[in-house]
Amino acid sequence: MEQGVLSIQRLNKGALQTLQQLEDTAEKVSDSEENHVKHQQHLNALQKAVQALQIKRDQLKKDLQNTPWKVLRSSVLDEKDGQLCMSSRSDRTGINEESIQEALSAALKVKAQHTLTHTCRLTGCSVTSVMKGKHKHIRICWDTFSNGQYCEPYYMELQTSRNHNILSISRHSLPYFLPINSMSQDLNKDITGFVNCVKDYLNAYISRRQQAFTLQNQHNTILDGEVHTSASFDNITFDLKLTNQSEPCTASIALVFDNLLLTSPSRVFVRIKDGDISRSASRKLCNHLKSVLAAHPLHIAVDKLK
């Protein structure tokens, strides 16, 4: 009997030890998995930080390449900015290093100016320098086009601050409704982006204006009255006579451009002004007019509606 009791006690003790060992092993495994998870999270955070730093580095490189002093220094700023660093050793051959320096600087300037001028002409922009008293200003000219036809130029003069390496707008002939203040905030960071942004706004404005002019001048026979526009041509209204319908009528149309960079309307409003037409036919006609006017330039859309 006593031997049986001792055997049960030994069995219980062994089972408890085994259970404790299993619990210790499970705890170690759990700690190991938790450490692995923390390590992986730390590694992911480091990878994200590295990617963010790489993006910031690339942006800084881009900003440095597009600063006004980097883009313009060899062509329209002071000649001395484009000079090469010559050796300071004495002239053993008797050649005047200053003359060589001036010749190299002039040659580099002519080459850079030719390259810049050629590039600008292809994009409808040109950059030159002009003297205002003792100060040199930078003049930018934007040539505008519509349907392959030259329209008119717009100008801007930038004054330079050599001590602070800052460009600021001196005067311009751009339309007053362009967001010049917001665009010029990046002038000293990315002058190429600034020039291209102004060009996009001007070309969009010219496109909307020419669409309205073409409608008024070439399609006046189907207009009931004149075309009315806002100064920036982001709102165009007119009455259109629809005589090719089974039930002739006149539609009052309003085109709204929510963004001055747009050349197609964001919203089209149509109202049947007069005519003996049923409500269902009126609704169907309005939807048709909206779809055509939103999908095509104004003068082409009107051609399709004749």
C-alpha atoms as a PDB file:
ATOM      1  CA  MET A   1       0.000   0.000   0.000  1.00  0.00           C
ATOM      2  CA  GLU A   2       2.765   2.402   0.948  1.00  0.00           C
ATOM      3  CA  GLN A   3       4.644   1.541  -2.215  1.00  0.00           C
ATOM      4  CA  GLY A   4       1.577   2.442  -4.273  1.00  0.00           C
ATOM      5  CA  VAL A   5       1.283   5.812  -2.590  1.00  0.00           C
ATOM      6  CA  LEU A   6       4.963   6.526  -3.211  1.00  0.00           C
ATOM      7  CA  SER A   7       4.569   5.620  -6.867  1.00  0.00           C
ATOM      8  CA  ILE A   8       1.625   8.009  -7.265  1.00  0.00           C
ATOM      9  CA  GLN A   9       3.583  10.812  -5.580  1.00  0.00           C
ATOM     10  CA  ARG A  10       6.553  10.223  -7.878  1.00  0.00           C
ATOM     11  CA  LEU A  11       4.249  10.236 -10.902  1.00  0.00           C
ATOM     12  CA  ASN A  12       2.612  13.481  -9.825  1.00  0.00           C
ATOM     13  CA  LYS A  13       5.962  15.094  -9.183  1.00  0.00           C
ATOM     14  CA  GLY A  14       7.271  14.025 -12.578  1.00  0.00           C
ATOM     15  CA  ALA A  15       4.135  15.275 -14.311  1.00  0.00           C
ATOM     16  CA  LEU A  16       4.392  18.637 -12.576  1.00  0.00           C
ATOM     17  CA  GLN A  17       8.038  18.991 -13.586  1.00  0.00           C
ATOM     18  CA  THR A  18       7.173  18.134 -17.190  1.00  0.00           C
ATOM     19  CA  LEU A  19       4.317  20.613 -17.171  1.00  0.00           C
ATOM     20  CA  GLN A  20       6.605  23.316 -15.749  1.00  0.00           C
ATOM     21  CA  GLN A  21       9.203  22.579 -18.430  1.00  0.00           C
ATOM     22  CA  LEU A  22       6.541  22.821 -21.123  1.00  0.00           C
ATOM     23  CA  GLU A  23       5.343  26.147 -19.728  1.00  0.00           C
ATOM     24  CA  ASP A  24       8.932  27.470 -19.614  1.00  0.00           C
ATOM     25  CA  THR A  25       9.524  26.342 -23.190  1.00  0.00           C
ATOM     26  CA  ALA A  26       6.273  27.955 -24.363  1.00  0.00           C
ATOM     27  CA  GLU A  27       7.209  31.207 -22.621  1.00  0.00           C
ATOM     28  CA  LYS A  28      10.634  31.207 -24.277  1.00  0.00           C
ATOM     29  CA  VAL A  29       9.055  30.588 -27.675  1.00  0.00           C
ATOM     30  CA  SER A  30       6.556  33.384 -27.063  1.00  0.00           C
ATOM     31  CA  ASP A  31       9.350  35.792 -26.057  1.00  0.00           C
ATOM     32  CA  SER A  32      11.335  34.790 -29.136  1.00  0.00           C
ATOM     33  CA  GLU A  33       8.353  35.416 -31.441  1.00  0.00           C
ATOM     34  CA  GLU A  34       7.633  38.740 -29.748  1.00  0.00           C
ATOM     35  CA  ASN A  35      11.273  39.806 -30.177  1.00  0.00           C
ATOM     36  CA  HIS A  36      11.119  38.746 -33.820  1.00  0.00           C
ATOM     37  CA  VAL A  37       7.990  40.825 -34.380  1.00  0.00           C
ATOM     38  CA  LYS A  38       9.580  43.856 -32.696  1.00  0.00           C
ATOM     39  CA  HIS A  39      12.737  43.380 -34.750  1.00  0.00           C
ATOM     40  CA  GLN A  40      10.708  43.181 -37.956  1.00  0.00           C
ATOM     41  CA  GLN A  41       8.732  46.307 -37.030  1.00  0.00           C
ATOM     42  CA  HIS A  42      11.967  48.165 -36.289  1.00  0.00           C
ATOM     43  CA  LEU A  43      13.409  47.006 -39.605  1.00  0.00           C
ATOM     44  CA  ASN A  44      10.289  48.176 -41.482  1.00  0.00           C
ATOM     45  CA  ALA A  45      10.474  51.565 -39.768  1.00  0.00           C
ATOM     46  CA  LEU A  46      14.134  51.908 -40.778  1.00  0.00           C
ATOM     47  CA  GLN A  47      13.304  50.995 -44.377  1.00  0.00           C
ATOM     48  CA  LYS A  48      10.540  53.632 -44.497  1.00  0.00           C
ATOM     49  CA  ALA A  49      12.937  56.219 -43.027  1.00  0.00           C
ATOM     50  CA  VAL A  50      15.552  55.375 -45.668  1.00  0.00           C
ATOM     51  CA  GLN A  51      12.961  55.664 -48.458  1.00  0.00           C
ATOM     52  CA  ALA A  52      11.798  59.036 -47.116  1.00  0.00           C
ATOM     53  CA  LEU A  53      15.397  60.274 -47.014  1.00  0.00           C
ATOM     54  CA  GLN A  54      15.992  59.054 -50.576  1.00  0.00           C
ATOM     55  CA  ILE A  55      12.881  60.923 -51.794  1.00  0.00           C
ATOM     56  CA  LYS A  56      14.042  64.059 -49.970  1.00  0.00           C
ATOM     57  CA  ARG A  57      17.518  63.702 -51.478  1.00  0.00           C
ATOM     58  CA  ASP A  58      16.121  63.378 -55.011  1.00  0.00           C
ATOM     59  CA  GLN A  59      13.885  66.425 -54.461  1.00  0.00           C
ATOM     60  CA  LEU A  60      16.831  68.471 -53.193  1.00  0.00           C
ATOM     61  CA  LYS A  61      18.870  67.463 -56.252  1.00  0.00           C
ATOM     62  CA  LYS A  62      16.008  68.541 -58.504  1.00  0.00           C
ATOM     63  CA  ASP A  63      15.632  71.849 -56.657  1.00  0.00           C
ATOM     64  CA  LEU A  64      19.347  72.561 -56.977  1.00  0.00           C
ATOM     65  CA  GLN A  65      19.292  71.817 -60.711  1.00  0.00           C
ATOM     66  CA  ASN A  66      16.292  74.100 -61.306  1.00  0.00           C
ATOM     67  CA  THR A  67      17.285  77.132 -59.249  1.00  0.00           C
ATOM     68  CA  PRO A  68      17.489  80.358 -61.289  1.00  0.00           C
ATOM     69  CA  TRP A  69      21.210  80.690 -60.672  1.00  0.00           C
ATOM     70  CA  LYS A  70      21.822  77.174 -61.986  1.00  0.00           C
ATOM     71  CA  VAL A  71      19.553  77.484 -65.035  1.00  0.00           C
ATOM     72  CA  LEU A  72      20.380  81.040 -66.087  1.00  0.00           C
ATOM     73  CA  ARG A  73      23.902  81.747 -64.842  1.00  0.00           C
ATOM     74  CA  SER A  74      25.676  80.737 -68.071  1.00  0.00           C
ATOM     75  CA  SER A  75      23.402  82.653 -70.434  1.00  0.00           C
ATOM     76  CA  VAL A  76      21.647  85.716 -69.040  1.00  0.00           C
ATOM     77  CA  LEU A  77      23.312  86.530 -65.738  1.00  0.00           C
ATOM     78  CA  ASP A  78      26.618  88.306 -65.248  1.00  0.00           C
ATOM     79  CA  GLU A  79      29.508  86.947 -67.315  1.00  0.00           C
ATOM     80  CA  LYS A  80      31.652  86.407 -64.254  1.00  0.00           C
ATOM     81  CA  ASP A  81      29.288  83.693 -63.070  1.00  0.00           C
ATOM     82  CA  GLY A  82      30.189  81.596 -66.077  1.00  0.00           C
ATOM     83  CA  GLN A  83      33.948  81.813 -65.759  1.00  0.00           C
ATOM     84  CA  LEU A  84      36.098  78.743 -65.341  1.00  0.00           C
ATOM     85  CA  CYS A  85      38.625  78.432 -62.524  1.00  0.00           C
ATOM     86  CA  MET A  86      42.074  78.814 -64.086  1.00  0.00           C
ATOM     87  CA  SER A  87      45.300  77.656 -62.538  1.00  0.00           C
ATOM     88  CA  SER A  88      47.031  80.250 -60.388  1.00  0.00           C
ATOM     89  CA  ARG A  89      50.489  79.136 -61.488  1.00  0.00           C
ATOM     90  CA  SER A  90      52.741  81.668 -63.119  1.00  0.00           C
ATOM     91  CA  ASP A  91      52.610  82.018 -66.895  1.00  0.00           C
ATOM     92  CA  ARG A  92      55.706  80.244 -68.128  1.00  0.00           C
ATOM     93  CA  THR A  93      54.912  80.577 -71.835  1.00  0.00           C
ATOM     94  CA  GLY A  94      54.090  84.272 -71.783  1.00  0.00           C
ATOM     95  CA  ILE A  95      50.407  83.714 -72.727  1.00  0.00           C
ATOM     96  CA  ASN A  96      48.031  86.103 -71.021  1.00  0.00           C
ATOM     97  CA  GLU A  97      45.823  83.872 -68.813  1.00  0.00           C
ATOM     98  CA  GLU A  98      43.310  86.669 -68.436  1.00  0.00           C
ATOM     99  CA  SER A  99      42.764  86.768 -72.188  1.00  0.00           C
ATOM    100  CA  ILE A 100      42.349  83.004 -72.302  1.00  0.00           C
ATOM    101  CA  GLN A 101      39.908  83.227 -69.412  1.00  0.00           C
ATOM    102  CA  GLU A 102      37.822  85.878 -71.179  1.00  0.00           C
ATOM    103  CA  ALA A 103      37.825  83.943 -74.465  1.00  0.00           C
ATOM    104  CA  LEU A 104      36.734  80.698 -72.786  1.00  0.00           C
ATOM    105  CA  SER A 105      34.072  82.461 -70.769  1.00  0.00           C
ATOM    106  CA  ALA A 106      32.691  84.214 -73.850  1.00  0.00           C
ATOM    107  CA  ALA A 107      32.668  80.968 -75.848  1.00  0.00           C
ATOM    108  CA  LEU A 108      30.875  79.087 -73.085  1.00  0.00           C
ATOM    109  CA  LYS A 109      28.334  81.866 -72.743  1.00  0.00           C
ATOM    110  CA  VAL A 110      27.586  81.959 -76.486  1.00  0.00           C
ATOM    111  CA  LYS A 111      27.180  78.172 -76.598  1.00  0.00           C
ATOM    112  CA  ALA A 112      24.909  78.088 -73.539  1.00  0.00           C
ATOM    113  CA  GLN A 113      22.838  81.013 -74.816  1.00  0.00           C
ATOM    114  CA  HIS A 114      22.403  79.356 -78.210  1.00  0.00           C
ATOM    115  CA  THR A 115      21.289  76.089 -76.575  1.00  0.00           C
ATOM    116  CA  LEU A 116      18.880  77.865 -74.220  1.00  0.00           C
ATOM    117  CA  THR A 117      17.431  80.026 -76.997  1.00  0.00           C
ATOM    118  CA  HIS A 118      16.891  77.022 -79.257  1.00  0.00           C
ATOM    119  CA  THR A 119      15.197  75.069 -76.464  1.00  0.00           C
ATOM    120  CA  CYS A 120      12.984  78.012 -75.488  1.00  0.00           C
ATOM    121  CA  ARG A 121      11.884  78.640 -79.070  1.00  0.00           C
ATOM    122  CA  LEU A 122      10.716  75.043 -79.339  1.00  0.00           C
ATOM    123  CA  THR A 123       8.584  75.464 -76.213  1.00  0.00           C
ATOM    124  CA  GLY A 124       7.218  78.950 -76.981  1.00  0.00           C
ATOM    125  CA  CYS A 125       9.334  80.730 -74.349  1.00  0.00           C
ATOM    126  CA  SER A 126      12.444  82.878 -74.561  1.00  0.00           C
ATOM    127  CA  VAL A 127      14.744  84.316 -71.905  1.00  0.00           C
ATOM    128  CA  THR A 128      16.939  87.406 -72.346  1.00  0.00           C
ATOM    129  CA  SER A 129      18.747  89.889 -70.110  1.00  0.00           C
ATOM    130  CA  VAL A 130      18.221  93.656 -70.150  1.00  0.00           C
ATOM    131  CA  MET A 131      20.024  96.450 -68.325  1.00  0.00           C
ATOM    132  CA  LYS A 132      18.020  98.738 -66.060  1.00  0.00           C
ATOM    133  CA  GLY A 133      20.488 101.398 -65.005  1.00  0.00           C
ATOM    134  CA  LYS A 134      23.284  99.500 -63.291  1.00  0.00           C
ATOM    135  CA  HIS A 135      21.178  96.427 -62.631  1.00  0.00           C
ATOM    136  CA  LYS A 136      20.571  93.490 -64.914  1.00  0.00           C
ATOM    137  CA  HIS A 137      17.014  92.208 -65.257  1.00  0.00           C
ATOM    138  CA  ILE A 138      15.824  88.926 -66.746  1.00  0.00           C
ATOM    139  CA  ARG A 139      13.044  89.156 -69.312  1.00  0.00           C
ATOM    140  CA  ILE A 140      10.860  86.145 -70.067  1.00  0.00           C
ATOM    141  CA  CYS A 141       8.611  86.087 -73.123  1.00  0.00           C
ATOM    142  CA  TRP A 142       5.810  83.581 -73.619  1.00  0.00           C
ATOM    143  CA  ASP A 143       4.490  83.184 -77.183  1.00  0.00           C
ATOM    144  CA  THR A 144       0.937  81.860 -77.296  1.00  0.00           C
ATOM    145  CA  PHE A 145      -0.687  79.718 -79.969  1.00  0.00           C
ATOM    146  CA  SER A 146      -4.104  78.304 -80.733  1.00  0.00           C
ATOM    147  CA  ASN A 147      -4.858  75.654 -83.374  1.00  0.00           C
ATOM    148  CA  GLY A 148      -1.393  76.186 -84.825  1.00  0.00           C
ATOM    149  CA  GLN A 149      -1.885  79.961 -85.148  1.00  0.00           C
ATOM    150  CA  TYR A 150       0.310  82.485 -83.357  1.00  0.00           C
ATOM    151  CA  CYS A 151      -1.678  84.786 -81.065  1.00  0.00           C
ATOM    152  CA  GLU A 152       0.281  87.249 -78.926  1.00  0.00           C
ATOM    153  CA  PRO A 153       3.277  87.410 -76.562  1.00  0.00           C
ATOM    154  CA  TYR A 154       3.287  88.029 -72.827  1.00  0.00           C
ATOM    155  CA  TYR A 155       6.247  89.377 -70.889  1.00  0.00           C
ATOM    156  CA  MET A 156       7.684  89.347 -67.402  1.00  0.00           C
ATOM    157  CA  GLU A 157      10.780  91.054 -66.006  1.00  0.00           C
ATOM    158  CA  LEU A 158      12.594  89.630 -63.008  1.00  0.00           C
ATOM    159  CA  GLN A 159      15.002  91.704 -60.981  1.00  0.00           C
ATOM    160  CA  THR A 160      18.002  90.042 -59.425  1.00  0.00           C
ATOM    161  CA  SER A 161      19.473  90.400 -55.983  1.00  0.00           C
ATOM    162  CA  ARG A 162      23.034  89.210 -56.314  1.00  0.00           C
ATOM    163  CA  ASN A 163      23.789  89.524 -52.611  1.00  0.00           C
ATOM    164  CA  HIS A 164      20.923  87.258 -51.605  1.00  0.00           C
ATOM    165  CA  ASN A 165      20.618  85.152 -54.795  1.00  0.00           C
ATOM    166  CA  ILE A 166      16.925  85.994 -55.036  1.00  0.00           C
ATOM    167  CA  LEU A 167      14.748  86.731 -58.064  1.00  0.00           C
ATOM    168  CA  SER A 168      11.604  88.806 -57.735  1.00  0.00           C
ATOM    169  CA  ILE A 169       8.988  89.958 -60.229  1.00  0.00           C
ATOM    170  CA  SER A 170       9.540  93.536 -61.329  1.00  0.00           C
ATOM    171  CA  ARG A 171       6.663  93.898 -63.809  1.00  0.00           C
ATOM    172  CA  HIS A 172       4.679  91.800 -66.273  1.00  0.00           C
ATOM    173  CA  SER A 173       1.941  91.878 -68.897  1.00  0.00           C
ATOM    174  CA  LEU A 174       0.223  88.649 -67.834  1.00  0.00           C
ATOM    175  CA  PRO A 175      -3.574  88.647 -67.420  1.00  0.00           C
ATOM    176  CA  TYR A 176      -4.537  89.845 -63.968  1.00  0.00           C
ATOM    177  CA  PHE A 177      -6.616  86.770 -63.147  1.00  0.00           C
ATOM    178  CA  LEU A 178      -3.699  84.309 -63.320  1.00  0.00           C
ATOM    179  CA  PRO A 179      -2.576  83.132 -59.839  1.00  0.00           C
ATOM    180  CA  ILE A 180       0.800  84.845 -60.128  1.00  0.00           C
ATOM    181  CA  ASN A 181       1.388  85.177 -56.386  1.00  0.00           C
ATOM    182  CA  SER A 182       0.960  81.466 -55.723  1.00  0.00           C
ATOM    183  CA  MET A 183       3.001  80.474 -58.787  1.00  0.00           C
ATOM    184  CA  SER A 184       5.885  82.808 -57.889  1.00  0.00           C
ATOM    185  CA  GLN A 185       6.358  81.164 -54.489  1.00  0.00           C
ATOM    186  CA  ASP A 186       8.510  78.518 -56.193  1.00  0.00           C
ATOM    187  CA  LEU A 187      10.281  81.000 -58.468  1.00  0.00           C
ATOM    188  CA  ASN A 188      13.619  80.747 -56.662  1.00  0.00           C
ATOM    189  CA  LYS A 189      13.340  76.982 -56.180  1.00  0.00           C
ATOM    190  CA  ASP A 190      12.353  75.862 -59.659  1.00  0.00           C
ATOM    191  CA  ILE A 191      12.393  78.572 -62.325  1.00  0.00           C
ATOM    192  CA  THR A 192      11.844  76.012 -65.100  1.00  0.00           C
ATOM    193  CA  GLY A 193       8.694  74.792 -63.383  1.00  0.00           C
ATOM    194  CA  PHE A 194       7.538  78.395 -62.895  1.00  0.00           C
ATOM    195  CA  VAL A 195       8.007  79.222 -66.600  1.00  0.00           C
ATOM    196  CA  ASN A 196       6.194  76.059 -67.682  1.00  0.00           C
ATOM    197  CA  CYS A 197       3.353  76.666 -65.223  1.00  0.00           C
ATOM    198  CA  VAL A 198       2.763  80.187 -66.577  1.00  0.00           C
ATOM    199  CA  LYS A 199       2.894  78.804 -70.122  1.00  0.00           C
ATOM    200  CA  ASP A 200       0.217  76.207 -69.309  1.00  0.00           C
ATOM    201  CA  TYR A 201      -2.097  78.855 -67.815  1.00  0.00           C
ATOM    202  CA  LEU A 202      -1.629  81.162 -70.812  1.00  0.00           C
ATOM    203  CA  ASN A 203      -2.228  78.461 -73.399  1.00  0.00           C
ATOM    204  CA  ALA A 204      -5.378  77.303 -71.591  1.00  0.00           C
ATOM    205  CA  TYR A 205      -6.667  80.895 -71.445  1.00  0.00           C
ATOM    206  CA  ILE A 206      -5.939  81.451 -75.147  1.00  0.00           C
ATOM    207  CA  SER A 207      -7.644  78.171 -76.040  1.00  0.00           C
ATOM    208  CA  ARG A 208     -10.860  79.082 -74.179  1.00  0.00           C
ATOM    209  CA  ARG A 209     -10.814  82.595 -75.633  1.00  0.00           C
ATOM    210  CA  GLN A 210     -10.330  81.395 -79.208  1.00  0.00           C
ATOM    211  CA  GLN A 211     -13.120  78.833 -78.834  1.00  0.00           C
ATOM    212  CA  ALA A 212     -15.509  81.610 -77.814  1.00  0.00           C
ATOM    213  CA  PHE A 213     -14.282  83.926 -80.595  1.00  0.00           C
ATOM    214  CA  THR A 214     -14.621  81.192 -83.209  1.00  0.00           C
ATOM    215  CA  LEU A 215     -18.147  80.427 -82.041  1.00  0.00           C
ATOM    216  CA  GLN A 216     -19.129  84.102 -82.280  1.00  0.00           C
ATOM    217  CA  ASN A 217     -17.474  84.774 -85.660  1.00  0.00           C
ATOM    218  CA  GLN A 218     -18.032  81.542 -87.569  1.00  0.00           C
ATOM    219  CA  HIS A 219     -21.295  80.227 -86.139  1.00  0.00           C
ATOM    220  CA  ASN A 220     -23.250  83.434 -85.575  1.00  0.00           C
ATOM    221  CA  THR A 221     -26.037  82.277 -87.892  1.00  0.00           C
ATOM    222  CA  ILE A 222     -27.175  79.676 -85.362  1.00  0.00           C
ATOM    223  CA  LEU A 223     -26.677  81.917 -82.341  1.00  0.00           C
ATOM    224  CA  ASP A 224     -29.562  83.791 -80.803  1.00  0.00           C
ATOM    225  CA  GLY A 225     -27.676  86.898 -79.712  1.00  0.00           C
ATOM    226  CA  GLU A 226     -24.041  87.207 -78.663  1.00  0.00           C
ATOM    227  CA  VAL A 227     -21.628  85.009 -76.746  1.00  0.00           C
ATOM    228  CA  HIS A 228     -21.090  86.301 -73.197  1.00  0.00           C
ATOM    229  CA  THR A 229     -17.943  85.471 -71.272  1.00  0.00           C
ATOM    230  CA  SER A 230     -16.046  86.282 -68.100  1.00  0.00           C
ATOM    231  CA  ALA A 231     -12.668  88.013 -68.327  1.00  0.00           C
ATOM    232  CA  SER A 232     -10.788  84.737 -68.012  1.00  0.00           C
ATOM    233  CA  PHE A 233     -13.242  82.876 -70.265  1.00  0.00           C
ATOM    234  CA  ASP A 234     -13.899  80.366 -67.503  1.00  0.00           C
ATOM    235  CA  ASN A 235     -17.608  81.080 -67.886  1.00  0.00           C
ATOM    236  CA  ILE A 236     -19.140  81.126 -71.386  1.00  0.00           C
ATOM    237  CA  THR A 237     -22.863  81.519 -72.033  1.00  0.00           C
ATOM    238  CA  PHE A 238     -24.839  81.691 -75.263  1.00  0.00           C
ATOM    239  CA  ASP A 239     -28.207  80.824 -76.781  1.00  0.00           C
ATOM    240  CA  LEU A 240     -28.188  78.252 -79.567  1.00  0.00           C
ATOM    241  CA  LYS A 241     -30.930  77.897 -82.183  1.00  0.00           C
ATOM    242  CA  LEU A 242     -31.598  74.212 -82.846  1.00  0.00           C
ATOM    243  CA  THR A 243     -33.446  74.098 -86.138  1.00  0.00           C
ATOM    244  CA  ASN A 244     -32.476  70.569 -87.155  1.00  0.00           C
ATOM    245  CA  GLN A 245     -34.676  69.015 -84.479  1.00  0.00           C
ATOM    246  CA  SER A 246     -38.103  67.545 -85.168  1.00  0.00           C
ATOM    247  CA  GLU A 247     -39.315  70.282 -82.847  1.00  0.00           C
ATOM    248  CA  PRO A 248     -37.125  73.411 -83.397  1.00  0.00           C
ATOM    249  CA  CYS A 249     -36.214  75.271 -80.240  1.00  0.00           C
ATOM    250  CA  THR A 250     -33.620  77.525 -78.623  1.00  0.00           C
ATOM    251  CA  ALA A 251     -31.303  76.268 -75.898  1.00  0.00           C
ATOM    252  CA  SER A 252     -29.649  78.511 -73.326  1.00  0.00           C
ATOM    253  CA  ILE A 253     -26.182  77.060 -72.604  1.00  0.00           C
ATOM    254  CA  ALA A 254     -23.617  77.866 -69.903  1.00  0.00           C
ATOM    255  CA  LEU A 255     -20.111  76.371 -69.820  1.00  0.00           C
ATOM    256  CA  VAL A 256     -18.182  76.518 -66.547  1.00  0.00           C
ATOM    257  CA  PHE A 257     -14.434  75.824 -66.219  1.00  0.00           C
ATOM    258  CA  ASP A 258     -13.623  75.156 -62.560  1.00  0.00           C
ATOM    259  CA  ASN A 259      -9.884  75.429 -63.159  1.00  0.00           C
ATOM    260  CA  LEU A 260      -8.042  78.039 -65.246  1.00  0.00           C
ATOM    261  CA  LEU A 261      -5.825  75.267 -66.644  1.00  0.00           C
ATOM    262  CA  LEU A 262      -8.805  73.584 -68.312  1.00  0.00           C
ATOM    263  CA  THR A 263      -9.675  73.841 -71.998  1.00  0.00           C
ATOM    264  CA  SER A 264     -12.827  71.707 -71.726  1.00  0.00           C
ATOM    265  CA  PRO A 265     -15.715  72.634 -69.420  1.00  0.00           C
ATOM    266  CA  SER A 266     -16.057  71.030 -66.004  1.00  0.00           C
ATOM    267  CA  ARG A 267     -19.814  71.566 -66.015  1.00  0.00           C
ATOM    268  CA  VAL A 268     -22.388  72.210 -68.721  1.00  0.00           C
ATOM    269  CA  PHE A 269     -25.801  73.712 -67.993  1.00  0.00           C
ATOM    270  CA  VAL A 270     -28.548  73.540 -70.616  1.00  0.00           C
ATOM    271  CA  ARG A 271     -32.069  74.947 -70.473  1.00  0.00           C
ATOM    272  CA  ILE A 272     -34.594  74.841 -73.289  1.00  0.00           C
ATOM    273  CA  LYS A 273     -35.549  78.471 -73.634  1.00  0.00           C
ATOM    274  CA  ASP A 274     -38.467  78.299 -76.012  1.00  0.00           C
ATOM    275  CA  GLY A 275     -40.087  75.995 -78.544  1.00  0.00           C
ATOM    276  CA  ASP A 276     -43.020  73.605 -78.581  1.00  0.00           C
ATOM    277  CA  ILE A 277     -41.254  70.556 -77.157  1.00  0.00           C
ATOM    278  CA  SER A 278     -42.421  67.950 -74.665  1.00  0.00           C
ATOM    279  CA  ARG A 279     -40.824  67.546 -71.239  1.00  0.00           C
ATOM    280  CA  SER A 280     -39.363  64.109 -72.040  1.00  0.00           C
ATOM    281  CA  ALA A 281     -37.962  65.332 -75.366  1.00  0.00           C
ATOM    282  CA  SER A 282     -36.546  68.386 -73.613  1.00  0.00           C
ATOM    283  CA  ARG A 283     -34.791  66.233 -71.023  1.00  0.00           C
ATOM    284  CA  LYS A 284     -33.349  63.960 -73.712  1.00  0.00           C
ATOM    285  CA  LEU A 285     -32.149  66.912 -75.793  1.00  0.00           C
ATOM    286  CA  CYS A 286     -30.503  68.552 -72.773  1.00  0.00           C
ATOM    287  CA  ASN A 287     -28.549  65.381 -71.967  1.00  0.00           C
ATOM    288  CA  HIS A 288     -27.420  65.112 -75.592  1.00  0.00           C
ATOM    289  CA  LEU A 289     -26.241  68.730 -75.670  1.00  0.00           C
ATOM    290  CA  LYS A 290     -24.345  68.296 -72.411  1.00  0.00           C
ATOM    291  CA  SER A 291     -22.501  65.195 -73.602  1.00  0.00           C
ATOM    292  CA  VAL A 292     -21.456  66.776 -76.932  1.00  0.00           C
ATOM    293  CA  LEU A 293     -20.368  70.096 -75.398  1.00  0.00           C
ATOM    294  CA  ALA A 294     -18.348  68.365 -72.672  1.00  0.00           C
ATOM    295  CA  ALA A 295     -16.551  66.043 -75.104  1.00  0.00           C
ATOM    296  CA  HIS A 296     -15.404  68.483 -77.815  1.00  0.00           C
ATOM    297  CA  PRO A 297     -13.971  71.979 -78.174  1.00  0.00           C
ATOM    298  CA  LEU A 298     -16.775  74.509 -78.320  1.00  0.00           C
ATOM    299  CA  HIS A 299     -16.692  75.337 -82.047  1.00  0.00           C
ATOM    300  CA  ILE A 300     -16.417  71.649 -83.009  1.00  0.00           C
ATOM    301  CA  ALA A 301     -19.276  70.706 -80.681  1.00  0.00           C
ATOM    302  CA  VAL A 302     -21.495  73.350 -82.253  1.00  0.00           C
ATOM    303  CA  ASP A 303     -20.626  71.980 -85.700  1.00  0.00           C
ATOM    304  CA  LYS A 304     -21.871  68.586 -84.572  1.00  0.00           C
ATOM    305  CA  LEU A 305     -25.103  70.120 -83.276  1.00  0.00           C
ATOM    306  CA  LYS A 306     -26.035  71.875 -86.496  1.00  0.00           C
END
